[in-house]
Amino acid sequence: MAFVEPVTLSAHGVTLEPLAFEHEEGLRAAAADGALWQLRVTSVPAPGETRDYIAKALAAREEGHRFAFAVIEEATGDVLGSTSYHDIIPAVKRVEIGYTWYARRAQHTHVNTACKLLLLAHAFDSLGCNVVGWRTDNFNFASQRAIERLGAKKDGVLRGHALRRDGTIRDTVMYSLTCGEWPEVRAHLEWRLEAPRESG
């Protein structure tokens, strides 16, 4: 049995469904909203790469180290983007949350907060994780701010850690949240979702 089994998570007008080929058209449309693949600090698929993007995510699921979701807007059924558990380590009950991106219309809304609340609740309350981590490009300042708003703690920076899509080498900023910190963070995220002026 895999540590992360297929599951659909829903709340606050957002549903996370296990990523599948049926999401291809919606995922392509979401990426086109803002031409997100042009950003050098993200891994958003270009229009002709969407099917391969899904195929790689499904292969990683089979290998047990990544579980990707499609982010669905409940009101319309539209695909808003994607997010994943990755670097899954069952032996120490650790997952990371990443490969996250949203259509431009969903950015700076409640969607990211809702998705993180769903993923964190499942990780800590259902999977029994000890820690949840995040990693991001050292130049992806928007991502760093979003992770810090969740209440995660900065662990440090891995120098010369990974390749960007343009072939340059990036430093990676690492963050984490422990199970002991989760109750307070849950309360904060729930409060933010009840106060739209603060959501994002």
N, C-alpha and C. Protein backbone atom coordinates (compact mmCIF):
# COMPACT_ATOMS: atom_id res chain seq x y z
N MET A 1 0.84 -1.20 0.00
CA MET A 1 0.00 0.00 0.00
C MET A 1 0.88 1.25 0.00
N ALA A 2 0.56 2.20 -0.87
CA ALA A 2 1.31 3.45 -0.95
C ALA A 2 1.01 4.32 0.27
N PHE A 3 1.98 5.13 0.66
CA PHE A 3 1.78 6.04 1.79
C PHE A 3 0.68 7.04 1.46
N VAL A 4 0.70 7.58 0.24
CA VAL A 4 -0.35 8.50 -0.21
C VAL A 4 -1.24 7.74 -1.20
N GLU A 5 -2.43 7.39 -0.76
CA GLU A 5 -3.39 6.68 -1.60
C GLU A 5 -4.26 7.70 -2.34
N PRO A 6 -4.86 7.32 -3.49
CA PRO A 6 -5.75 8.24 -4.20
C PRO A 6 -6.86 8.77 -3.30
N VAL A 7 -7.03 10.07 -3.33
CA VAL A 7 -8.05 10.71 -2.49
C VAL A 7 -8.48 12.00 -3.16
N THR A 8 -9.74 12.35 -3.00
CA THR A 8 -10.27 13.64 -3.47
C THR A 8 -10.60 14.47 -2.24
N LEU A 9 -10.12 15.71 -2.23
CA LEU A 9 -10.29 16.61 -1.09
C LEU A 9 -11.08 17.83 -1.53
N SER A 10 -12.06 18.24 -0.73
CA SER A 10 -12.92 19.38 -1.10
C SER A 10 -13.24 20.25 0.10
N ALA A 11 -13.22 21.55 -0.11
CA ALA A 11 -13.67 22.53 0.89
C ALA A 11 -13.51 23.92 0.30
N HIS A 12 -14.32 24.85 0.80
CA HIS A 12 -14.18 26.26 0.45
C HIS A 12 -14.24 26.50 -1.06
N GLY A 13 -15.08 25.73 -1.75
CA GLY A 13 -15.28 25.95 -3.18
C GLY A 13 -14.20 25.40 -4.08
N VAL A 14 -13.28 24.62 -3.49
CA VAL A 14 -12.17 24.06 -4.25
C VAL A 14 -12.13 22.54 -4.05
N THR A 15 -11.87 21.80 -5.13
CA THR A 15 -11.69 20.36 -5.05
C THR A 15 -10.34 19.98 -5.61
N LEU A 16 -9.64 19.10 -4.89
CA LEU A 16 -8.38 18.54 -5.37
C LEU A 16 -8.65 17.11 -5.80
N GLU A 17 -8.51 16.84 -7.11
CA GLU A 17 -8.72 15.51 -7.66
C GLU A 17 -7.38 14.93 -8.10
N PRO A 18 -7.17 13.62 -7.93
CA PRO A 18 -5.94 13.03 -8.46
C PRO A 18 -5.78 13.38 -9.94
N LEU A 19 -4.63 13.93 -10.31
CA LEU A 19 -4.39 14.37 -11.68
C LEU A 19 -4.51 13.20 -12.64
N ALA A 20 -5.21 13.41 -13.75
CA ALA A 20 -5.42 12.37 -14.75
C ALA A 20 -5.44 13.00 -16.14
N PHE A 21 -5.39 12.14 -17.16
CA PHE A 21 -5.38 12.66 -18.54
C PHE A 21 -6.67 13.41 -18.87
N GLU A 22 -7.75 13.13 -18.15
CA GLU A 22 -9.01 13.84 -18.40
C GLU A 22 -8.90 15.32 -18.05
N HIS A 23 -7.86 15.69 -17.32
CA HIS A 23 -7.66 17.10 -16.95
C HIS A 23 -6.80 17.85 -17.97
N GLU A 24 -6.38 17.17 -19.02
CA GLU A 24 -5.41 17.77 -19.94
C GLU A 24 -5.89 19.10 -20.54
N GLU A 25 -7.09 19.10 -21.09
CA GLU A 25 -7.59 20.33 -21.73
C GLU A 25 -7.72 21.47 -20.72
N GLY A 26 -8.26 21.15 -19.55
CA GLY A 26 -8.43 22.17 -18.53
C GLY A 26 -7.11 22.69 -18.01
N LEU A 27 -6.13 21.79 -17.88
CA LEU A 27 -4.81 22.20 -17.41
C LEU A 27 -4.14 23.12 -18.42
N ARG A 28 -4.31 22.80 -19.70
CA ARG A 28 -3.73 23.62 -20.75
C ARG A 28 -4.34 25.03 -20.74
N ALA A 29 -5.65 25.08 -20.54
CA ALA A 29 -6.33 26.38 -20.50
C ALA A 29 -5.90 27.18 -19.28
N ALA A 30 -5.72 26.52 -18.16
CA ALA A 30 -5.28 27.22 -16.94
C ALA A 30 -3.90 27.81 -17.12
N ALA A 31 -2.99 27.06 -17.73
CA ALA A 31 -1.63 27.55 -17.96
C ALA A 31 -1.62 28.72 -18.94
N ALA A 32 -2.58 28.70 -19.89
CA ALA A 32 -2.65 29.78 -20.89
C ALA A 32 -3.12 31.09 -20.27
N ASP A 33 -3.83 31.01 -19.15
CA ASP A 33 -4.30 32.21 -18.46
C ASP A 33 -3.12 32.84 -17.73
N GLY A 34 -2.39 33.68 -18.46
CA GLY A 34 -1.20 34.32 -17.91
C GLY A 34 0.08 33.82 -18.56
N ALA A 35 -0.05 32.89 -19.54
CA ALA A 35 1.13 32.32 -20.21
C ALA A 35 2.18 31.92 -19.17
N LEU A 36 1.74 31.11 -18.22
CA LEU A 36 2.55 30.84 -17.03
C LEU A 36 3.84 30.08 -17.32
N TRP A 37 3.88 29.35 -18.42
CA TRP A 37 5.08 28.58 -18.75
C TRP A 37 6.27 29.48 -19.08
N GLN A 38 6.00 30.76 -19.30
CA GLN A 38 7.09 31.69 -19.63
C GLN A 38 7.87 32.15 -18.39
N LEU A 39 7.34 31.84 -17.21
CA LEU A 39 8.03 32.22 -15.97
C LEU A 39 9.18 31.24 -15.73
N ARG A 40 10.39 31.74 -15.58
CA ARG A 40 11.56 30.87 -15.48
C ARG A 40 11.66 30.16 -14.13
N VAL A 41 10.90 30.62 -13.13
CA VAL A 41 11.02 30.04 -11.79
C VAL A 41 9.90 29.05 -11.48
N THR A 42 9.15 28.63 -12.50
CA THR A 42 8.08 27.65 -12.28
C THR A 42 8.26 26.47 -13.24
N SER A 43 7.45 25.43 -13.02
CA SER A 43 7.51 24.24 -13.86
C SER A 43 6.21 24.04 -14.63
N VAL A 44 5.51 25.13 -14.92
CA VAL A 44 4.22 25.06 -15.62
C VAL A 44 4.46 24.57 -17.06
N PRO A 45 3.66 23.59 -17.52
CA PRO A 45 3.88 23.08 -18.88
C PRO A 45 3.44 24.06 -19.97
N ALA A 46 4.24 24.14 -21.02
CA ALA A 46 3.85 24.89 -22.22
C ALA A 46 2.70 24.14 -22.89
N PRO A 47 1.94 24.82 -23.77
CA PRO A 47 0.74 24.19 -24.36
C PRO A 47 0.98 22.80 -24.95
N GLY A 48 2.09 22.62 -25.65
CA GLY A 48 2.35 21.32 -26.28
C GLY A 48 2.94 20.28 -25.34
N GLU A 49 3.16 20.65 -24.09
CA GLU A 49 3.82 19.75 -23.14
C GLU A 49 2.87 19.23 -22.05
N THR A 50 1.59 19.60 -22.15
CA THR A 50 0.66 19.29 -21.06
C THR A 50 0.47 17.79 -20.86
N ARG A 51 0.31 17.04 -21.96
CA ARG A 51 0.09 15.60 -21.82
C ARG A 51 1.32 14.92 -21.22
N ASP A 52 2.49 15.34 -21.66
CA ASP A 52 3.72 14.77 -21.12
C ASP A 52 3.88 15.12 -19.64
N TYR A 53 3.46 16.33 -19.27
CA TYR A 53 3.49 16.77 -17.87
C TYR A 53 2.65 15.83 -17.00
N ILE A 54 1.44 15.50 -17.49
CA ILE A 54 0.57 14.59 -16.75
C ILE A 54 1.18 13.20 -16.70
N ALA A 55 1.73 12.75 -17.83
CA ALA A 55 2.32 11.40 -17.88
C ALA A 55 3.47 11.27 -16.88
N LYS A 56 4.30 12.29 -16.77
CA LYS A 56 5.41 12.24 -15.83
C LYS A 56 4.90 12.24 -14.38
N ALA A 57 3.83 12.99 -14.13
CA ALA A 57 3.26 13.01 -12.80
C ALA A 57 2.69 11.64 -12.43
N LEU A 58 2.04 10.99 -13.38
CA LEU A 58 1.48 9.66 -13.13
C LEU A 58 2.57 8.63 -12.91
N ALA A 59 3.67 8.75 -13.66
CA ALA A 59 4.80 7.84 -13.47
C ALA A 59 5.40 8.03 -12.08
N ALA A 60 5.51 9.28 -11.64
CA ALA A 60 6.04 9.56 -10.30
C ALA A 60 5.12 9.01 -9.22
N ARG A 61 3.81 9.04 -9.49
CA ARG A 61 2.86 8.45 -8.53
C ARG A 61 3.10 6.95 -8.41
N GLU A 62 3.30 6.29 -9.54
CA GLU A 62 3.56 4.84 -9.52
C GLU A 62 4.85 4.53 -8.77
N GLU A 63 5.83 5.41 -8.89
CA GLU A 63 7.12 5.21 -8.21
C GLU A 63 7.04 5.57 -6.72
N GLY A 64 5.97 6.26 -6.33
CA GLY A 64 5.73 6.52 -4.91
C GLY A 64 6.33 7.78 -4.34
N HIS A 65 6.89 8.66 -5.20
CA HIS A 65 7.54 9.85 -4.64
C HIS A 65 6.82 11.16 -4.95
N ARG A 66 5.75 11.11 -5.76
CA ARG A 66 4.96 12.32 -6.02
C ARG A 66 3.51 11.93 -6.27
N PHE A 67 2.59 12.71 -5.71
CA PHE A 67 1.17 12.51 -5.96
C PHE A 67 0.58 13.85 -6.36
N ALA A 68 0.22 13.98 -7.65
CA ALA A 68 -0.25 15.25 -8.19
C ALA A 68 -1.77 15.33 -8.18
N PHE A 69 -2.27 16.54 -7.95
CA PHE A 69 -3.70 16.83 -7.97
C PHE A 69 -4.01 17.89 -9.03
N ALA A 70 -5.20 17.81 -9.60
CA ALA A 70 -5.76 18.92 -10.36
C ALA A 70 -6.58 19.76 -9.40
N VAL A 71 -6.45 21.07 -9.49
CA VAL A 71 -7.22 21.99 -8.65
C VAL A 71 -8.46 22.41 -9.44
N ILE A 72 -9.63 22.08 -8.90
CA ILE A 72 -10.89 22.30 -9.61
C ILE A 72 -11.74 23.35 -8.87
N GLU A 73 -12.31 24.27 -9.62
CA GLU A 73 -13.25 25.23 -9.06
C GLU A 73 -14.62 24.56 -9.01
N GLU A 74 -15.17 24.38 -7.82
CA GLU A 74 -16.42 23.63 -7.67
C GLU A 74 -17.58 24.28 -8.42
N ALA A 75 -17.65 25.59 -8.41
CA ALA A 75 -18.80 26.28 -9.00
C ALA A 75 -18.89 26.09 -10.51
N THR A 76 -17.74 25.98 -11.17
CA THR A 76 -17.72 25.89 -12.64
C THR A 76 -17.21 24.56 -13.18
N GLY A 77 -16.49 23.82 -12.36
CA GLY A 77 -15.85 22.60 -12.85
C GLY A 77 -14.55 22.86 -13.58
N ASP A 78 -14.14 24.12 -13.63
CA ASP A 78 -12.91 24.49 -14.36
C ASP A 78 -11.67 24.04 -13.60
N VAL A 79 -10.66 23.64 -14.36
CA VAL A 79 -9.35 23.36 -13.78
C VAL A 79 -8.64 24.70 -13.57
N LEU A 80 -8.19 24.94 -12.34
CA LEU A 80 -7.51 26.19 -12.01
C LEU A 80 -6.00 26.04 -11.99
N GLY A 81 -5.50 24.79 -11.93
CA GLY A 81 -4.06 24.58 -11.86
C GLY A 81 -3.76 23.21 -11.30
N SER A 82 -2.62 23.10 -10.65
CA SER A 82 -2.20 21.81 -10.11
C SER A 82 -1.33 22.01 -8.88
N THR A 83 -1.31 21.00 -8.03
CA THR A 83 -0.44 20.99 -6.86
C THR A 83 -0.13 19.54 -6.53
N SER A 84 0.90 19.29 -5.73
CA SER A 84 1.33 17.91 -5.47
C SER A 84 1.89 17.74 -4.07
N TYR A 85 1.77 16.51 -3.58
CA TYR A 85 2.69 16.03 -2.55
C TYR A 85 3.90 15.48 -3.30
N HIS A 86 5.09 15.74 -2.81
CA HIS A 86 6.28 15.19 -3.47
C HIS A 86 7.36 14.93 -2.43
N ASP A 87 8.46 14.32 -2.89
CA ASP A 87 9.52 13.90 -1.98
C ASP A 87 8.90 13.21 -0.76
N ILE A 88 8.05 12.25 -1.07
CA ILE A 88 7.31 11.50 -0.04
C ILE A 88 8.25 10.48 0.60
N ILE A 89 8.40 10.56 1.93
CA ILE A 89 9.28 9.65 2.66
C ILE A 89 8.46 8.95 3.75
N PRO A 90 7.89 7.79 3.43
CA PRO A 90 7.03 7.10 4.40
C PRO A 90 7.74 6.76 5.71
N ALA A 91 9.02 6.40 5.66
CA ALA A 91 9.73 5.94 6.85
C ALA A 91 9.77 6.99 7.96
N VAL A 92 9.80 8.26 7.57
CA VAL A 92 9.82 9.32 8.59
C VAL A 92 8.53 10.14 8.58
N LYS A 93 7.56 9.66 7.78
CA LYS A 93 6.26 10.32 7.67
C LYS A 93 6.42 11.80 7.31
N ARG A 94 7.04 12.02 6.17
CA ARG A 94 7.29 13.37 5.67
C ARG A 94 6.83 13.46 4.22
N VAL A 95 6.16 14.55 3.91
CA VAL A 95 5.86 14.90 2.52
C VAL A 95 6.22 16.36 2.32
N GLU A 96 6.40 16.73 1.07
CA GLU A 96 6.52 18.14 0.73
C GLU A 96 5.35 18.52 -0.16
N ILE A 97 5.00 19.78 -0.16
CA ILE A 97 3.95 20.30 -1.02
C ILE A 97 4.62 21.20 -2.04
N GLY A 98 4.34 20.95 -3.31
CA GLY A 98 4.96 21.75 -4.35
C GLY A 98 4.37 21.47 -5.73
N TYR A 99 5.14 21.84 -6.76
CA TYR A 99 4.63 21.76 -8.13
C TYR A 99 3.30 22.49 -8.21
N THR A 100 3.19 23.58 -7.47
CA THR A 100 1.93 24.31 -7.34
C THR A 100 1.88 25.50 -8.27
N TRP A 101 0.82 25.59 -9.04
CA TRP A 101 0.61 26.77 -9.90
C TRP A 101 -0.88 26.90 -10.19
N TYR A 102 -1.30 28.15 -10.40
CA TYR A 102 -2.70 28.45 -10.65
C TYR A 102 -2.83 29.41 -11.83
N ALA A 103 -3.95 29.28 -12.54
CA ALA A 103 -4.29 30.25 -13.58
C ALA A 103 -4.26 31.65 -12.98
N ARG A 104 -3.94 32.62 -13.80
CA ARG A 104 -3.82 33.98 -13.30
C ARG A 104 -5.08 34.45 -12.57
N ARG A 105 -6.25 34.05 -13.06
CA ARG A 105 -7.50 34.50 -12.43
C ARG A 105 -7.69 33.94 -11.03
N ALA A 106 -6.98 32.85 -10.70
CA ALA A 106 -7.10 32.26 -9.38
C ALA A 106 -6.03 32.74 -8.41
N GLN A 107 -5.05 33.47 -8.93
CA GLN A 107 -3.98 33.97 -8.08
C GLN A 107 -4.50 35.15 -7.24
N HIS A 108 -3.95 35.30 -6.04
CA HIS A 108 -4.35 36.37 -5.12
C HIS A 108 -5.83 36.27 -4.76
N THR A 109 -6.33 35.03 -4.70
CA THR A 109 -7.68 34.76 -4.21
C THR A 109 -7.56 33.79 -3.04
N HIS A 110 -8.69 33.25 -2.61
CA HIS A 110 -8.68 32.28 -1.50
C HIS A 110 -8.16 30.91 -1.92
N VAL A 111 -7.96 30.68 -3.22
CA VAL A 111 -7.69 29.33 -3.71
C VAL A 111 -6.44 28.71 -3.10
N ASN A 112 -5.33 29.44 -3.05
CA ASN A 112 -4.11 28.87 -2.51
C ASN A 112 -4.27 28.52 -1.03
N THR A 113 -4.90 29.39 -0.27
CA THR A 113 -5.12 29.11 1.15
C THR A 113 -5.97 27.87 1.32
N ALA A 114 -7.03 27.75 0.52
CA ALA A 114 -7.91 26.59 0.61
C ALA A 114 -7.18 25.30 0.26
N CYS A 115 -6.38 25.34 -0.80
CA CYS A 115 -5.63 24.15 -1.20
C CYS A 115 -4.63 23.72 -0.13
N LYS A 116 -3.93 24.69 0.43
CA LYS A 116 -2.94 24.35 1.46
C LYS A 116 -3.62 23.80 2.71
N LEU A 117 -4.77 24.35 3.08
CA LEU A 117 -5.49 23.82 4.23
C LEU A 117 -5.91 22.37 3.98
N LEU A 118 -6.40 22.07 2.79
CA LEU A 118 -6.80 20.70 2.45
C LEU A 118 -5.60 19.76 2.49
N LEU A 119 -4.49 20.16 1.88
CA LEU A 119 -3.32 19.30 1.81
C LEU A 119 -2.68 19.10 3.19
N LEU A 120 -2.61 20.16 3.97
CA LEU A 120 -2.01 20.05 5.30
C LEU A 120 -2.89 19.20 6.22
N ALA A 121 -4.20 19.40 6.16
CA ALA A 121 -5.10 18.62 7.00
C ALA A 121 -4.99 17.14 6.67
N HIS A 122 -4.93 16.81 5.38
CA HIS A 122 -4.82 15.41 5.00
C HIS A 122 -3.47 14.84 5.44
N ALA A 123 -2.41 15.63 5.26
CA ALA A 123 -1.07 15.15 5.62
C ALA A 123 -0.96 14.89 7.12
N PHE A 124 -1.38 15.84 7.93
CA PHE A 124 -1.22 15.70 9.37
C PHE A 124 -2.30 14.82 10.02
N ASP A 125 -3.55 15.01 9.61
CA ASP A 125 -4.66 14.35 10.30
C ASP A 125 -4.96 12.96 9.76
N SER A 126 -4.75 12.73 8.47
CA SER A 126 -5.05 11.42 7.88
C SER A 126 -3.80 10.56 7.69
N LEU A 127 -2.73 11.17 7.19
CA LEU A 127 -1.50 10.40 6.94
C LEU A 127 -0.61 10.31 8.17
N GLY A 128 -0.86 11.16 9.15
CA GLY A 128 -0.06 11.14 10.38
C GLY A 128 1.36 11.65 10.18
N CYS A 129 1.53 12.60 9.28
CA CYS A 129 2.87 13.12 9.00
C CYS A 129 3.47 13.82 10.22
N ASN A 130 4.76 13.70 10.37
CA ASN A 130 5.50 14.42 11.40
C ASN A 130 5.88 15.82 10.93
N VAL A 131 6.11 15.95 9.63
CA VAL A 131 6.54 17.23 9.08
C VAL A 131 6.09 17.34 7.63
N VAL A 132 5.75 18.55 7.22
CA VAL A 132 5.45 18.87 5.82
C VAL A 132 6.43 19.95 5.39
N GLY A 133 7.01 19.76 4.23
CA GLY A 133 8.02 20.71 3.74
C GLY A 133 7.61 21.40 2.45
N TRP A 134 8.31 22.46 2.15
CA TRP A 134 8.18 23.19 0.89
C TRP A 134 9.57 23.55 0.41
N ARG A 135 9.73 23.71 -0.89
CA ARG A 135 10.98 24.21 -1.46
C ARG A 135 10.62 25.13 -2.62
N THR A 136 11.42 26.16 -2.81
CA THR A 136 11.13 27.08 -3.91
C THR A 136 12.41 27.73 -4.40
N ASP A 137 12.35 28.26 -5.60
CA ASP A 137 13.48 28.95 -6.22
C ASP A 137 13.85 30.19 -5.39
N ASN A 138 15.14 30.43 -5.26
CA ASN A 138 15.57 31.60 -4.47
C ASN A 138 15.10 32.92 -5.07
N PHE A 139 14.76 32.93 -6.36
CA PHE A 139 14.25 34.15 -6.98
C PHE A 139 12.72 34.16 -7.08
N ASN A 140 12.06 33.13 -6.60
CA ASN A 140 10.59 33.11 -6.62
C ASN A 140 10.09 33.73 -5.31
N PHE A 141 10.18 35.05 -5.26
CA PHE A 141 9.85 35.77 -4.03
C PHE A 141 8.36 35.67 -3.69
N ALA A 142 7.51 35.61 -4.73
CA ALA A 142 6.07 35.48 -4.47
C ALA A 142 5.77 34.17 -3.78
N SER A 143 6.42 33.09 -4.23
CA SER A 143 6.24 31.78 -3.60
C SER A 143 6.74 31.79 -2.17
N GLN A 144 7.89 32.41 -1.94
CA GLN A 144 8.43 32.47 -0.58
C GLN A 144 7.48 33.21 0.36
N ARG A 145 6.92 34.32 -0.12
CA ARG A 145 5.98 35.08 0.72
C ARG A 145 4.72 34.24 1.01
N ALA A 146 4.25 33.52 0.00
CA ALA A 146 3.04 32.70 0.18
C ALA A 146 3.28 31.59 1.19
N ILE A 147 4.45 30.94 1.12
CA ILE A 147 4.78 29.87 2.07
C ILE A 147 4.89 30.44 3.48
N GLU A 148 5.53 31.59 3.61
CA GLU A 148 5.69 32.19 4.93
C GLU A 148 4.35 32.63 5.51
N ARG A 149 3.41 33.08 4.66
CA ARG A 149 2.08 33.45 5.15
C ARG A 149 1.33 32.26 5.71
N LEU A 150 1.69 31.06 5.27
CA LEU A 150 1.05 29.86 5.80
C LEU A 150 1.47 29.58 7.24
N GLY A 151 2.62 30.11 7.63
CA GLY A 151 3.14 29.85 8.96
C GLY A 151 4.31 28.88 8.97
N ALA A 152 4.79 28.49 7.79
CA ALA A 152 5.94 27.58 7.71
C ALA A 152 7.21 28.31 8.14
N LYS A 153 8.17 27.55 8.63
CA LYS A 153 9.45 28.10 9.08
C LYS A 153 10.52 27.85 8.02
N LYS A 154 11.36 28.85 7.82
CA LYS A 154 12.45 28.72 6.86
C LYS A 154 13.58 27.88 7.46
N ASP A 155 13.91 26.78 6.78
CA ASP A 155 14.97 25.89 7.25
C ASP A 155 16.35 26.31 6.78
N GLY A 156 16.41 26.91 5.59
CA GLY A 156 17.71 27.30 5.05
C GLY A 156 17.70 27.31 3.54
N VAL A 157 18.88 27.46 2.95
CA VAL A 157 19.03 27.55 1.50
C VAL A 157 20.03 26.49 1.05
N LEU A 158 19.64 25.71 0.04
CA LEU A 158 20.55 24.75 -0.58
C LEU A 158 21.19 25.42 -1.78
N ARG A 159 22.48 25.65 -1.74
CA ARG A 159 23.18 26.39 -2.79
C ARG A 159 23.43 25.49 -4.00
N GLY A 160 23.22 26.04 -5.20
CA GLY A 160 23.48 25.30 -6.43
C GLY A 160 22.76 23.97 -6.48
N HIS A 161 21.47 23.99 -6.18
CA HIS A 161 20.74 22.76 -5.88
C HIS A 161 20.05 22.11 -7.08
N ALA A 162 19.55 22.90 -8.02
CA ALA A 162 18.73 22.32 -9.08
C ALA A 162 18.79 23.18 -10.34
N LEU A 163 18.40 22.56 -11.46
CA LEU A 163 18.34 23.29 -12.73
C LEU A 163 16.98 23.93 -12.92
N ARG A 164 16.99 25.15 -13.43
CA ARG A 164 15.75 25.78 -13.88
C ARG A 164 15.45 25.29 -15.29
N ARG A 165 14.24 25.61 -15.77
CA ARG A 165 13.84 25.18 -17.10
C ARG A 165 14.70 25.83 -18.19
N ASP A 166 15.33 26.98 -17.88
CA ASP A 166 16.18 27.63 -18.89
C ASP A 166 17.63 27.16 -18.82
N GLY A 167 17.90 26.17 -17.96
CA GLY A 167 19.24 25.60 -17.88
C GLY A 167 20.14 26.24 -16.85
N THR A 168 19.71 27.35 -16.24
CA THR A 168 20.52 27.96 -15.20
C THR A 168 20.37 27.16 -13.90
N ILE A 169 21.33 27.33 -13.01
CA ILE A 169 21.31 26.59 -11.74
C ILE A 169 20.76 27.49 -10.64
N ARG A 170 19.83 26.95 -9.89
CA ARG A 170 19.18 27.74 -8.84
C ARG A 170 19.64 27.31 -7.46
N ASP A 171 19.52 28.26 -6.51
CA ASP A 171 19.54 27.93 -5.10
C ASP A 171 18.09 27.61 -4.70
N THR A 172 17.91 26.72 -3.73
CA THR A 172 16.57 26.31 -3.30
C THR A 172 16.35 26.71 -1.85
N VAL A 173 15.27 27.43 -1.61
CA VAL A 173 14.90 27.84 -0.25
C VAL A 173 13.96 26.78 0.33
N MET A 174 14.32 26.27 1.51
CA MET A 174 13.57 25.18 2.14
C MET A 174 12.77 25.69 3.34
N TYR A 175 11.55 25.19 3.47
CA TYR A 175 10.66 25.52 4.58
C TYR A 175 10.04 24.24 5.13
N SER A 176 9.55 24.31 6.36
CA SER A 176 8.83 23.16 6.92
C SER A 176 7.85 23.59 8.00
N LEU A 177 6.93 22.67 8.28
CA LEU A 177 5.93 22.83 9.33
C LEU A 177 5.84 21.48 10.06
N THR A 178 5.91 21.48 11.38
CA THR A 178 5.84 20.24 12.14
C THR A 178 4.42 19.98 12.63
N CYS A 179 4.18 18.72 13.02
CA CYS A 179 2.85 18.36 13.51
C CYS A 179 2.48 19.15 14.76
N GLY A 180 3.47 19.50 15.58
CA GLY A 180 3.19 20.29 16.77
C GLY A 180 2.74 21.71 16.46
N GLU A 181 3.17 22.23 15.31
CA GLU A 181 2.80 23.59 14.90
C GLU A 181 1.47 23.61 14.15
N TRP A 182 1.01 22.46 13.72
CA TRP A 182 -0.15 22.38 12.85
C TRP A 182 -1.44 22.95 13.47
N PRO A 183 -1.80 22.67 14.73
CA PRO A 183 -3.06 23.21 15.24
C PRO A 183 -3.17 24.73 15.14
N GLU A 184 -2.08 25.42 15.46
CA GLU A 184 -2.11 26.89 15.38
C GLU A 184 -2.20 27.35 13.94
N VAL A 185 -1.48 26.68 13.06
CA VAL A 185 -1.52 27.05 11.63
C VAL A 185 -2.90 26.77 11.06
N ARG A 186 -3.51 25.65 11.44
CA ARG A 186 -4.86 25.34 10.97
C ARG A 186 -5.83 26.46 11.36
N ALA A 187 -5.76 26.88 12.61
CA ALA A 187 -6.66 27.94 13.08
C ALA A 187 -6.44 29.22 12.29
N HIS A 188 -5.17 29.51 12.00
CA HIS A 188 -4.86 30.74 11.24
C HIS A 188 -5.39 30.66 9.82
N LEU A 189 -5.23 29.51 9.16
CA LEU A 189 -5.71 29.37 7.79
C LEU A 189 -7.23 29.42 7.73
N GLU A 190 -7.89 28.80 8.69
CA GLU A 190 -9.35 28.86 8.73
C GLU A 190 -9.83 30.29 8.95
N TRP A 191 -9.12 31.03 9.79
CA TRP A 191 -9.47 32.43 10.00
C TRP A 191 -9.30 33.24 8.72
N ARG A 192 -8.20 32.99 7.99
CA ARG A 192 -7.97 33.71 6.74
C ARG A 192 -9.07 33.43 5.73
N LEU A 193 -9.55 32.19 5.69
CA LEU A 193 -10.60 31.85 4.73
C LEU A 193 -11.94 32.46 5.10
N GLU A 194 -12.11 32.81 6.36
CA GLU A 194 -13.32 33.50 6.79
C GLU A 194 -13.18 35.01 6.65
N ALA A 195 -11.98 35.48 6.34
CA ALA A 195 -11.71 36.91 6.17
C ALA A 195 -11.10 37.12 4.80
N PRO A 196 -11.93 37.18 3.73
CA PRO A 196 -11.42 37.23 2.36
C PRO A 196 -10.39 38.32 2.10
N ARG A 197 -10.48 39.42 2.85
CA ARG A 197 -9.52 40.51 2.64
C ARG A 197 -8.08 40.06 2.92
N GLU A 198 -7.93 38.96 3.71
CA GLU A 198 -6.61 38.49 4.06
C GLU A 198 -6.17 37.28 3.25
N SER A 199 -7.08 36.72 2.42
CA SER A 199 -6.78 35.46 1.75
C SER A 199 -5.86 35.68 0.56
N GLY A 200 -5.14 34.60 0.18
CA GLY A 200 -4.28 34.66 -0.99
C GLY A 200 -3.36 33.50 -1.04
